[in-house]
Every structure is written in structure tokens, then in C-alpha cells.
Amino acid sequence: MITDTQHENVGYLQYIYKLEKEMDEKKVDRRVRYTVMMLKAAMVEALQKEQISRISVKSLCEMAGVNRSTFYAHFDDQYDLLHSIESEALDNVKSYLKRQDIGGDAPISFETLSR
């Protein structure tokens, strides 16, 4: 039978593990950030010329100057990379809108969004 003290210790250890995991996730190596940034830039550049279905992982890696194994360490495929770019863009928009003082339930105007 587990005592209250043991139960509290397990909860505490789970809490510590969760905090350490979050810290590790936030503490991304500068090289990793650079690699991901280059892959995203390559995708944006490629999308200006081709449809996503015509963009290969190989071409993205050549444009970004990384190995395919490096690409696959971060993304499943070119669609996963695109999803990451889209998610980041939406997070940036949400963050921007949260910082705006638009007052109550007023609809957001184009002027507010384009500030």
C-alpha cells in the first residue's frame, strides 16, 4: 500500500521530471536553431517557385546546405516542415493579437492587424 508521503514523493518526482523536460525542450542548441531556420528559409524559397508536391526533401537539403539525415532528425517530410512554418506563423499572429489593446468584444479591423 502506498502511503501519502510516498504518493507525494512520486508526484514531486513527476513534477521535477516534467520541469526538466520542458527546460531541455526550451534550451535548443544554437546550431539546431540555425539548421531549422535554414530549412524553413529553403522551403519558403522553394514554395515561391514550385508547389509543395513538387518539392523534394533532397532539393530542400541542397538549398539549406544540410544532409538529409539532418532534415529527418527534425521533420518527417516536406509537409511536416511546411506545417511547422504555418504553426510558427499562426503563433506569431496570436502573440501579436494578444498584445493589442482592442477593447472588449469589438471586431478586429484591418487597421489593427496591419499596425
Protein backbone atom coordinates (compact mmCIF):
# COMPACT_ATOMS: atom_id res chain seq x y z
CA MET A 1 0.00 0.00 0.00
CA ILE A 2 1.29 3.45 -0.94
CA THR A 3 1.36 5.97 1.87
CA ASP A 4 0.50 9.64 1.44
CA THR A 5 4.19 10.54 1.77
CA GLN A 6 5.18 8.08 -0.95
CA HIS A 7 2.38 9.37 -3.16
CA GLU A 8 3.57 12.96 -2.62
CA ASN A 9 7.15 11.93 -3.47
CA VAL A 10 6.02 10.28 -6.72
CA GLY A 11 4.05 13.41 -7.63
CA TYR A 12 7.04 15.59 -6.83
CA LEU A 13 9.38 13.44 -8.92
CA GLN A 14 6.94 13.55 -11.84
CA TYR A 15 6.77 17.33 -11.45
CA ILE A 16 10.58 17.63 -11.44
CA TYR A 17 10.83 15.34 -14.47
CA LYS A 18 8.27 17.46 -16.32
CA LEU A 19 10.15 20.68 -15.48
CA GLU A 20 13.47 19.21 -16.63
CA LYS A 21 11.89 18.02 -19.86
CA GLU A 22 10.40 21.47 -20.53
CA MET A 23 13.74 23.12 -19.81
CA ASP A 24 15.51 20.74 -22.19
CA GLU A 25 12.94 21.45 -24.89
CA LYS A 26 13.37 25.22 -24.48
CA LYS A 27 17.15 25.00 -24.39
CA VAL A 28 17.67 24.32 -28.07
CA ASP A 29 21.22 24.38 -29.31
CA ARG A 30 22.10 27.39 -31.47
CA ARG A 31 23.22 25.06 -34.28
CA VAL A 32 19.85 23.31 -34.24
CA ARG A 33 18.01 26.64 -34.39
CA TYR A 34 20.22 27.69 -37.32
CA THR A 35 19.62 24.41 -39.16
CA VAL A 36 15.86 24.61 -38.71
CA MET A 37 15.90 28.26 -39.77
CA MET A 38 17.81 27.37 -42.94
CA LEU A 39 15.40 24.55 -43.76
CA LYS A 40 12.43 26.87 -43.27
CA ALA A 41 14.03 29.53 -45.45
CA ALA A 42 14.70 26.92 -48.14
CA MET A 43 11.06 25.83 -48.01
CA VAL A 44 9.77 29.39 -48.32
CA GLU A 45 12.08 29.99 -51.28
CA ALA A 46 11.06 26.72 -52.93
CA LEU A 47 7.36 27.46 -52.45
CA GLN A 48 7.79 30.67 -54.43
CA LYS A 49 8.78 28.56 -57.44
CA GLU A 50 7.02 25.20 -57.02
CA GLN A 51 4.00 23.55 -55.48
CA ILE A 52 4.65 21.61 -52.29
CA SER A 53 4.02 18.32 -54.09
CA ARG A 54 6.94 19.05 -56.44
CA ILE A 55 9.41 19.98 -53.70
CA SER A 56 11.68 17.15 -52.61
CA VAL A 57 13.50 16.75 -49.33
CA LYS A 58 16.69 16.37 -51.34
CA SER A 59 16.25 19.77 -53.01
CA LEU A 60 15.42 21.42 -49.68
CA CYS A 61 18.56 19.96 -48.14
CA GLU A 62 20.69 21.17 -51.02
CA MET A 63 19.24 24.66 -50.73
CA ALA A 64 19.73 24.73 -46.96
CA GLY A 65 23.16 23.11 -47.06
CA VAL A 66 22.27 20.23 -44.74
CA ASN A 67 22.29 16.45 -45.02
CA ARG A 68 19.06 14.54 -45.50
CA SER A 69 19.65 12.73 -42.21
CA THR A 70 19.73 16.14 -40.51
CA PHE A 71 16.44 17.05 -42.16
CA TYR A 72 14.84 13.84 -40.93
CA ALA A 73 16.16 14.47 -37.41
CA HIS A 74 13.83 17.49 -37.28
CA PHE A 75 10.97 16.77 -39.69
CA ASP A 76 9.13 13.75 -41.09
CA ASP A 77 8.84 15.13 -44.62
CA GLN A 78 8.38 18.38 -46.54
CA TYR A 79 4.76 18.59 -45.39
CA ASP A 80 5.84 18.42 -41.76
CA LEU A 81 8.28 21.26 -42.40
CA LEU A 82 5.51 23.31 -44.02
CA HIS A 83 3.23 22.59 -41.07
CA SER A 84 5.96 23.82 -38.72
CA ILE A 85 6.25 27.07 -40.69
CA GLU A 86 2.48 27.54 -40.66
CA SER A 87 2.25 26.84 -36.92
CA GLU A 88 5.01 29.31 -36.16
CA ALA A 89 3.30 31.98 -38.27
CA LEU A 90 -0.03 31.42 -36.52
CA ASP A 91 1.66 31.53 -33.11
CA ASN A 92 3.24 34.86 -34.07
CA VAL A 93 -0.13 36.28 -35.15
CA LYS A 94 -1.78 35.06 -31.94
CA SER A 95 1.01 36.56 -29.85
CA TYR A 96 0.70 39.87 -31.68
CA LEU A 97 -3.06 39.96 -31.23
CA LYS A 98 -2.77 39.20 -27.51
CA ARG A 99 -0.52 42.23 -27.10
CA GLN A 100 -3.01 44.54 -28.82
CA ASP A 101 -5.49 46.52 -26.77
CA ILE A 102 -8.59 46.26 -28.91
CA GLY A 103 -11.05 46.64 -26.08
CA GLY A 104 -13.83 44.23 -25.26
CA ASP A 105 -15.76 42.40 -27.92
CA ALA A 106 -15.07 44.87 -30.70
CA PRO A 107 -14.32 43.23 -34.04
CA ILE A 108 -10.72 43.43 -35.16
CA SER A 109 -10.27 45.85 -38.02
CA PHE A 110 -7.75 45.55 -40.81
CA GLU A 111 -6.05 48.69 -39.49
CA THR A 112 -5.49 46.97 -36.14
CA LEU A 113 -3.99 43.94 -37.82
CA SER A 114 -1.74 45.97 -40.09
CA ARG A 115 -0.19 48.19 -37.40
